[in-house]
Amino acid sequence: MRFTREDYLPLSALLFLPTLVSAASSIDCPNIRINDVPYDLSALKGAHTVFREQKIPGESIHNQTFTLDLCSPLIKEKSDDDLSQCKQGANICGVKYLINPSGAIVDEVVSVAGQFASSYGGHQDAKWTRLKDSDSHEDSKKDGLRLEMNGGRHPMEGSGGTPQRALIEFICDPDVDGLDGLGETDPHFKSPKAKNRRDDDGGDDDNNDNENNGGDNDGDDDSDDGDQQDDSRPLKYKSYERELPGGKKMDVLRLEWHTKYACENAERDVPKKSNGSWGFFTWFIVVLFLSVAAYLVFGSWLNYSRYGARGWDLLPHGDTIRDLPYLLKDWARRATGSLSSSRGGYSAV
């Protein structure tokens, strides 16, 4: 197959497509600006998890864990079990585990938000809103931000998947950095190697469960009385339910993140630059340099205008400046001689 010159451009674009997709899926966390108000959320970067669990009849527990990285796509683990991980480009990934005494089984994996290949999902379309500027009267009383992220679909394969959306509210809390306890995991989740249910059931039960529950995750046999989550963490799970924004069916994940970086006047966790004030020694050097320069320029102009001087004669006290190296040499010789004569010993009479 021969390629013409016109084919080179699209081929080269395809080579850089993964890089472009990765760049498009990143949020510029240090430089968020909303209505001319700057925010820096770079301290919140990295993968963080929030979970919610529900007890079901018997000794089993449904654990729903959402992992998110605000500033960059999640890194997929090197594993042959690709069914237990979200698609490449996900910023928010939800995994539903069925935990029982024998271990944990991956029940459902949902790529909630991110920048995915067109064959899987859609665009992230990150949108920021100041809560003070919200149309909601209740939200307008809060100090913080709201982030809307899109792009996910469940299931990702095929064209009949339900669109996904994530709404994260960053609430201003001056006394909380927003990272306390986020490194901890659900104490009920004991098995790090969860087995995928689809490997055992051939995917039928998972698909049926998805059809019955939709994105609500509350529509199964779980009891609300057994609903548990860690409310002491700054990152909180609020809901994951099917909604109809604009009459369109969509699964919406709602999270709440308390952090001081959502405050309008938050100090950035970056090395602080000098405030511009100089010390005494710096000012002394600057003033001395400017004084000497002004003296030489003014004196040279005076000698030129009055006496028509040229070359060394332009400089004020030019003879002294010209002889300065010899004067310094003579002074050093005298100082050395004085030091030598002051030492102990006999002197001639």
Protein backbone atom coordinates (compact mmCIF):
# COMPACT_ATOMS: atom_id res chain seq x y z
CA MET A 1 0.00 0.00 0.00
CA ARG A 2 1.41 3.39 -1.02
CA PHE A 3 0.86 6.58 0.94
CA THR A 4 0.73 9.96 -0.73
CA ARG A 5 1.97 13.18 0.74
CA GLU A 6 -1.59 14.03 1.80
CA ASP A 7 -1.72 10.88 3.93
CA TYR A 8 1.22 11.88 6.12
CA LEU A 9 -0.66 14.45 8.22
CA PRO A 10 -3.54 12.22 9.39
CA LEU A 11 -1.09 9.37 10.05
CA SER A 12 1.11 11.59 12.21
CA ALA A 13 -1.97 12.86 14.04
CA LEU A 14 -2.91 9.29 14.89
CA LEU A 15 0.54 8.71 16.36
CA PHE A 16 0.05 11.59 18.80
CA LEU A 17 -3.62 10.82 19.55
CA PRO A 18 -2.98 9.11 22.94
CA THR A 19 -0.94 12.10 24.07
CA LEU A 20 -3.64 14.53 22.97
CA VAL A 21 -6.37 12.54 24.72
CA SER A 22 -4.34 12.41 27.94
CA ALA A 23 -3.73 16.16 27.84
CA ALA A 24 -7.39 16.89 27.17
CA SER A 25 -8.46 14.77 30.14
CA SER A 26 -6.34 16.70 32.61
CA ILE A 27 -7.63 19.56 34.70
CA ASP A 28 -5.17 22.39 35.28
CA CYS A 29 -5.49 22.15 39.06
CA PRO A 30 -2.99 24.91 40.00
CA ASN A 31 -4.61 27.48 37.71
CA ILE A 32 -8.37 27.26 38.13
CA ARG A 33 -10.01 30.63 37.58
CA ILE A 34 -13.74 31.23 37.89
CA ASN A 35 -15.13 34.73 37.36
CA ASP A 36 -11.62 36.17 37.87
CA VAL A 37 -11.27 34.35 41.21
CA PRO A 38 -8.18 32.07 41.26
CA TYR A 39 -8.10 28.68 42.95
CA ASP A 40 -5.31 26.16 43.38
CA LEU A 41 -6.40 22.56 43.98
CA SER A 42 -3.05 20.97 43.12
CA ALA A 43 -2.67 19.81 46.74
CA LEU A 44 -5.61 17.44 46.14
CA LYS A 45 -3.96 15.64 43.23
CA GLY A 46 -3.50 11.89 43.31
CA ALA A 47 -5.87 8.95 43.50
CA HIS A 48 -8.33 9.10 46.42
CA THR A 49 -11.15 6.74 47.32
CA VAL A 50 -14.54 7.09 48.92
CA PHE A 51 -16.76 4.14 49.72
CA ARG A 52 -20.26 3.23 50.72
CA GLU A 53 -21.38 -0.19 51.85
CA GLN A 54 -24.70 -1.87 52.36
CA LYS A 55 -25.47 -5.04 54.23
CA ILE A 56 -27.59 -7.55 52.39
CA PRO A 57 -29.42 -10.61 53.73
CA GLY A 58 -26.95 -13.15 55.04
CA GLU A 59 -23.32 -12.37 55.81
CA SER A 60 -22.56 -10.48 52.61
CA ILE A 61 -21.90 -6.78 52.11
CA HIS A 62 -22.13 -4.69 48.97
CA ASN A 63 -19.19 -2.29 48.92
CA GLN A 64 -19.24 0.51 46.39
CA THR A 65 -15.85 2.20 46.05
CA PHE A 66 -15.21 5.24 43.88
CA THR A 67 -11.63 6.20 43.04
CA LEU A 68 -10.95 9.63 41.61
CA ASP A 69 -7.97 11.68 40.53
CA LEU A 70 -8.93 15.28 40.05
CA CYS A 71 -5.84 16.43 38.17
CA SER A 72 -4.98 13.53 35.83
CA PRO A 73 -6.38 10.22 34.55
CA LEU A 74 -6.19 7.21 36.84
CA ILE A 75 -3.30 4.85 36.18
CA LYS A 76 -4.43 1.35 35.33
CA GLU A 77 -2.77 -1.47 37.24
CA LYS A 78 -0.67 -3.94 35.32
CA SER A 79 -3.04 -6.88 35.46
CA ASP A 80 -4.46 -9.45 33.09
CA ASP A 81 -7.86 -8.92 34.69
CA ASP A 82 -8.92 -5.90 32.66
CA LEU A 83 -12.59 -6.47 33.51
CA SER A 84 -12.07 -5.25 37.08
CA GLN A 85 -10.67 -1.86 35.98
CA CYS A 86 -12.11 1.17 34.26
CA LYS A 87 -11.24 2.17 30.74
CA GLN A 88 -8.08 4.13 29.98
CA GLY A 89 -8.68 7.86 30.47
CA ALA A 90 -11.01 7.61 33.47
CA ASN A 91 -10.73 10.27 36.16
CA ILE A 92 -13.43 8.64 38.29
CA CYS A 93 -13.89 4.89 38.48
CA GLY A 94 -16.56 3.06 40.47
CA VAL A 95 -16.20 -0.58 41.49
CA LYS A 96 -18.93 -2.53 43.26
CA TYR A 97 -17.74 -5.47 45.37
CA LEU A 98 -19.70 -8.30 46.88
CA ILE A 99 -17.87 -9.10 50.12
CA ASN A 100 -18.50 -12.33 52.01
CA PRO A 101 -16.46 -14.46 54.41
CA SER A 102 -14.74 -16.20 51.50
CA GLY A 103 -13.45 -12.99 49.92
CA ALA A 104 -14.49 -10.21 47.57
CA ILE A 105 -16.00 -10.46 44.10
CA VAL A 106 -16.09 -7.64 41.58
CA ASP A 107 -19.76 -7.19 40.82
CA GLU A 108 -19.72 -4.08 38.64
CA VAL A 109 -17.22 -1.61 37.17
CA VAL A 110 -18.39 1.83 36.05
CA SER A 111 -16.25 4.40 34.23
CA VAL A 112 -17.99 7.49 35.59
CA ALA A 113 -16.03 10.40 34.14
CA GLY A 114 -12.99 11.05 32.00
CA GLN A 115 -11.78 11.51 28.46
CA PHE A 116 -12.33 8.26 26.61
CA ALA A 117 -11.88 7.03 23.08
CA SER A 118 -14.91 7.80 20.94
CA SER A 119 -15.69 4.10 20.62
CA TYR A 120 -16.24 3.86 24.40
CA GLY A 121 -17.42 7.08 25.96
CA GLY A 122 -17.33 10.78 25.36
CA HIS A 123 -15.68 14.00 26.38
CA GLN A 124 -14.97 15.00 29.94
CA ASP A 125 -16.39 18.51 29.48
CA ALA A 126 -15.26 19.69 32.91
CA LYS A 127 -17.30 22.69 34.10
CA TRP A 128 -16.55 24.77 37.20
CA THR A 129 -19.05 26.88 39.12
CA ARG A 130 -18.67 29.05 42.19
CA LEU A 131 -21.32 28.08 44.69
CA LYS A 132 -21.87 31.76 45.45
CA ASP A 133 -22.87 32.24 41.81
CA SER A 134 -25.24 29.27 41.82
CA ASP A 135 -28.90 29.73 40.93
CA SER A 136 -29.79 27.76 44.04
CA HIS A 137 -30.49 30.01 47.02
CA GLU A 138 -29.11 27.39 49.40
CA ASP A 139 -25.85 26.97 47.44
CA SER A 140 -25.34 30.72 47.15
CA LYS A 141 -24.77 30.83 50.90
CA LYS A 142 -21.77 28.49 50.65
CA ASP A 143 -18.15 29.29 49.93
CA GLY A 144 -16.72 26.79 47.50
CA LEU A 145 -16.81 25.26 44.02
CA ARG A 146 -18.77 22.72 42.05
CA LEU A 147 -17.14 20.55 39.39
CA GLU A 148 -19.16 18.74 36.77
CA MET A 149 -17.41 15.92 34.90
CA ASN A 150 -18.83 13.78 32.09
CA GLY A 151 -17.63 11.30 29.51
CA GLY A 152 -18.52 7.95 31.09
CA ARG A 153 -21.08 5.41 30.02
CA HIS A 154 -22.26 2.12 31.48
CA PRO A 155 -21.78 -0.32 30.01
CA MET A 156 -19.02 1.14 27.86
CA GLU A 157 -19.31 -1.53 25.19
CA GLY A 158 -22.09 -1.05 22.67
CA SER A 159 -24.27 1.96 22.03
CA GLY A 160 -26.99 1.42 24.64
CA GLY A 161 -24.98 2.42 27.71
CA THR A 162 -26.36 4.93 30.21
CA PRO A 163 -24.44 8.25 30.27
CA GLN A 164 -22.60 9.02 33.50
CA ARG A 165 -21.95 12.30 35.28
CA ALA A 166 -20.09 13.32 38.44
CA LEU A 167 -20.87 16.40 40.52
CA ILE A 168 -18.23 17.24 43.15
CA GLU A 169 -18.83 20.09 45.57
CA PHE A 170 -15.68 21.52 47.14
CA ILE A 171 -16.78 23.14 50.40
CA CYS A 172 -14.57 25.78 52.01
CA ASP A 173 -13.32 24.60 55.40
CA PRO A 174 -10.32 26.67 56.59
CA ASP A 175 -9.32 24.09 59.21
CA VAL A 176 -9.25 21.04 56.90
CA ASP A 177 -6.69 20.38 54.17
CA GLY A 178 -8.96 17.79 52.56
CA LEU A 179 -6.54 14.86 52.69
CA ASP A 180 -7.09 13.55 56.24
CA GLY A 181 -7.90 9.85 56.19
CA LEU A 182 -8.03 9.55 52.41
CA GLY A 183 -5.20 7.03 52.47
CA GLU A 184 -7.27 4.64 54.56
CA THR A 185 -9.35 1.85 53.06
CA ASP A 186 -12.65 0.32 54.01
CA PRO A 187 -11.94 -1.90 57.05
CA HIS A 188 -14.45 -4.49 55.78
CA PHE A 189 -12.60 -4.90 52.51
CA LYS A 190 -10.01 -7.54 53.39
CA SER A 191 -9.20 -9.10 50.03
CA PRO A 192 -6.85 -7.08 47.78
CA LYS A 193 -7.33 -9.54 44.92
CA ALA A 194 -11.02 -9.45 44.15
CA LYS A 195 -12.33 -12.03 41.74
CA ASN A 196 -14.47 -10.79 38.89
CA ARG A 197 -17.99 -12.18 38.99
CA ARG A 198 -18.17 -12.11 35.21
CA ASP A 199 -15.38 -14.70 35.08
CA ASP A 200 -17.65 -17.13 36.94
CA ASP A 201 -21.07 -16.20 35.60
CA GLY A 202 -20.17 -15.42 32.01
CA GLY A 203 -21.50 -11.88 32.34
CA ASP A 204 -25.21 -12.79 32.40
CA ASP A 205 -25.83 -11.96 36.05
CA ASP A 206 -23.89 -8.75 35.80
CA ASN A 207 -25.84 -7.55 32.82
CA ASN A 208 -29.14 -8.51 34.39
CA ASP A 209 -28.19 -6.78 37.60
CA ASN A 210 -27.28 -3.67 35.65
CA GLU A 211 -30.60 -3.68 33.85
CA ASN A 212 -32.53 -4.03 37.09
CA ASN A 213 -30.59 -1.45 39.06
CA GLY A 214 -29.61 1.06 36.43
CA GLY A 215 -27.28 3.58 37.96
CA ASP A 216 -29.24 3.83 41.16
CA ASN A 217 -27.36 1.17 43.05
CA ASP A 218 -30.14 1.46 45.59
CA GLY A 219 -32.54 -0.63 43.59
CA ASP A 220 -31.21 -4.05 44.60
CA ASP A 221 -32.04 -5.97 47.73
CA ASP A 222 -29.83 -3.79 49.89
CA SER A 223 -31.44 -2.26 52.90
CA ASP A 224 -31.03 1.43 53.62
CA ASP A 225 -30.82 0.54 57.28
CA GLY A 226 -27.49 -1.12 56.55
CA ASP A 227 -26.11 1.80 54.58
CA GLN A 228 -22.74 2.83 56.00
CA GLN A 229 -19.95 5.19 55.05
CA ASP A 230 -17.17 7.05 56.80
CA ASP A 231 -18.53 10.54 57.50
CA SER A 232 -15.35 11.61 59.31
CA ARG A 233 -13.45 11.88 56.04
CA PRO A 234 -13.31 15.22 54.20
CA LEU A 235 -14.31 13.47 50.96
CA LYS A 236 -17.86 12.22 51.35
CA TYR A 237 -20.14 10.08 49.22
CA LYS A 238 -23.57 11.69 48.81
CA SER A 239 -25.43 9.62 46.23
CA TYR A 240 -25.22 7.70 42.98
CA GLU A 241 -28.65 7.65 41.45
CA ARG A 242 -30.43 7.75 38.14
CA GLU A 243 -31.66 11.22 37.28
CA LEU A 244 -33.40 12.83 34.35
CA PRO A 245 -31.63 16.16 33.67
CA GLY A 246 -33.41 17.74 30.74
CA GLY A 247 -35.51 14.61 30.35
CA LYS A 248 -32.45 12.53 29.51
CA LYS A 249 -31.71 9.39 31.55
CA MET A 250 -28.36 9.67 33.30
CA ASP A 251 -26.55 8.16 36.31
CA VAL A 252 -25.22 10.96 38.54
CA LEU A 253 -22.54 10.54 41.21
CA ARG A 254 -22.54 13.26 43.87
CA LEU A 255 -19.54 13.81 46.15
CA GLU A 256 -18.68 16.46 48.72
CA TRP A 257 -15.11 17.47 49.52
CA HIS A 258 -14.33 19.71 52.49
CA THR A 259 -11.00 21.49 52.06
CA LYS A 260 -9.36 24.82 52.76
CA TYR A 261 -8.25 25.04 49.13
CA ALA A 262 -11.83 25.73 48.09
CA CYS A 263 -11.78 29.00 50.03
CA GLU A 264 -11.41 32.11 47.92
CA ASN A 265 -8.55 33.48 49.98
CA ALA A 266 -6.73 30.17 50.49
CA GLU A 267 -2.94 30.31 50.58
CA ARG A 268 -1.31 28.24 47.91
CA ASP A 269 0.96 25.39 48.95
CA VAL A 270 3.80 26.54 46.74
CA PRO A 271 7.11 28.18 47.67
CA LYS A 272 6.36 31.78 48.45
CA LYS A 273 8.13 34.35 46.39
CA SER A 274 9.95 37.27 47.91
CA ASN A 275 7.68 40.17 48.77
CA GLY A 276 10.09 42.54 47.01
CA SER A 277 11.69 44.13 50.08
CA TRP A 278 15.50 44.23 50.15
CA GLY A 279 17.80 44.19 53.15
CA PHE A 280 20.11 47.00 54.27
CA PHE A 281 23.21 45.57 52.62
CA THR A 282 21.45 45.23 49.25
CA TRP A 283 20.19 48.79 49.41
CA PHE A 284 23.67 50.01 50.40
CA ILE A 285 25.28 48.34 47.36
CA VAL A 286 22.60 49.68 45.02
CA VAL A 287 22.86 53.25 46.34
CA LEU A 288 26.69 53.14 46.25
CA PHE A 289 26.71 51.87 42.67
CA LEU A 290 24.22 54.51 41.52
CA SER A 291 26.16 57.26 43.30
CA VAL A 292 29.47 56.26 41.70
CA ALA A 293 27.83 55.97 38.29
CA ALA A 294 26.17 59.38 38.62
CA TYR A 295 29.48 60.94 39.74
CA LEU A 296 31.40 59.49 36.77
CA VAL A 297 28.73 60.44 34.22
CA PHE A 298 28.30 63.98 35.53
CA GLY A 299 32.06 64.55 35.90
CA SER A 300 32.75 63.25 32.39
CA TRP A 301 30.09 65.49 30.91
CA LEU A 302 31.54 68.48 32.81
CA ASN A 303 35.10 67.83 31.59
CA TYR A 304 33.88 67.41 28.02
CA SER A 305 31.74 70.54 27.94
CA ARG A 306 34.23 72.79 29.73
CA TYR A 307 37.61 71.55 28.58
CA GLY A 308 36.81 69.41 25.53
CA ALA A 309 38.53 66.46 27.19
CA ARG A 310 38.84 63.08 25.48
CA GLY A 311 39.69 59.54 26.62
CA TRP A 312 40.99 59.22 30.17
CA ASP A 313 40.82 62.97 30.59
CA LEU A 314 37.03 62.74 30.48
CA LEU A 315 36.87 60.96 33.84
CA PRO A 316 36.92 63.16 36.95
CA HIS A 317 40.23 62.71 38.74
CA GLY A 318 41.37 60.64 35.77
CA ASP A 319 45.00 60.73 36.84
CA THR A 320 44.10 59.30 40.24
CA ILE A 321 41.96 56.54 38.69
CA ARG A 322 44.76 55.70 36.24
CA ASP A 323 47.31 55.47 39.04
CA LEU A 324 44.95 53.53 41.33
CA PRO A 325 46.52 50.07 40.63
CA TYR A 326 49.99 51.44 41.45
CA LEU A 327 48.70 53.18 44.57
CA LEU A 328 47.12 49.93 45.77
CA LYS A 329 50.31 48.03 45.07
CA ASP A 330 52.37 50.56 46.99
CA TRP A 331 49.91 50.48 49.89
CA ALA A 332 50.07 46.69 50.03
CA ARG A 333 53.88 46.79 50.09
CA ARG A 334 53.86 49.25 52.98
CA ALA A 335 51.30 47.23 54.92
CA THR A 336 53.38 44.08 54.46
CA GLY A 337 56.49 45.91 55.64
CA SER A 338 54.68 47.23 58.73
CA LEU A 339 53.52 43.75 59.66
CA SER A 340 57.00 42.35 59.25
CA SER A 341 58.60 45.03 61.43
CA SER A 342 55.99 44.53 64.18
CA ARG A 343 56.99 40.90 64.71
CA GLY A 344 59.36 39.88 67.48
CA GLY A 345 63.18 39.93 66.99
CA TYR A 346 66.12 42.32 66.91
CA SER A 347 66.27 45.42 64.76
CA ALA A 348 69.40 47.18 63.54
CA VAL A 349 70.62 50.24 65.51
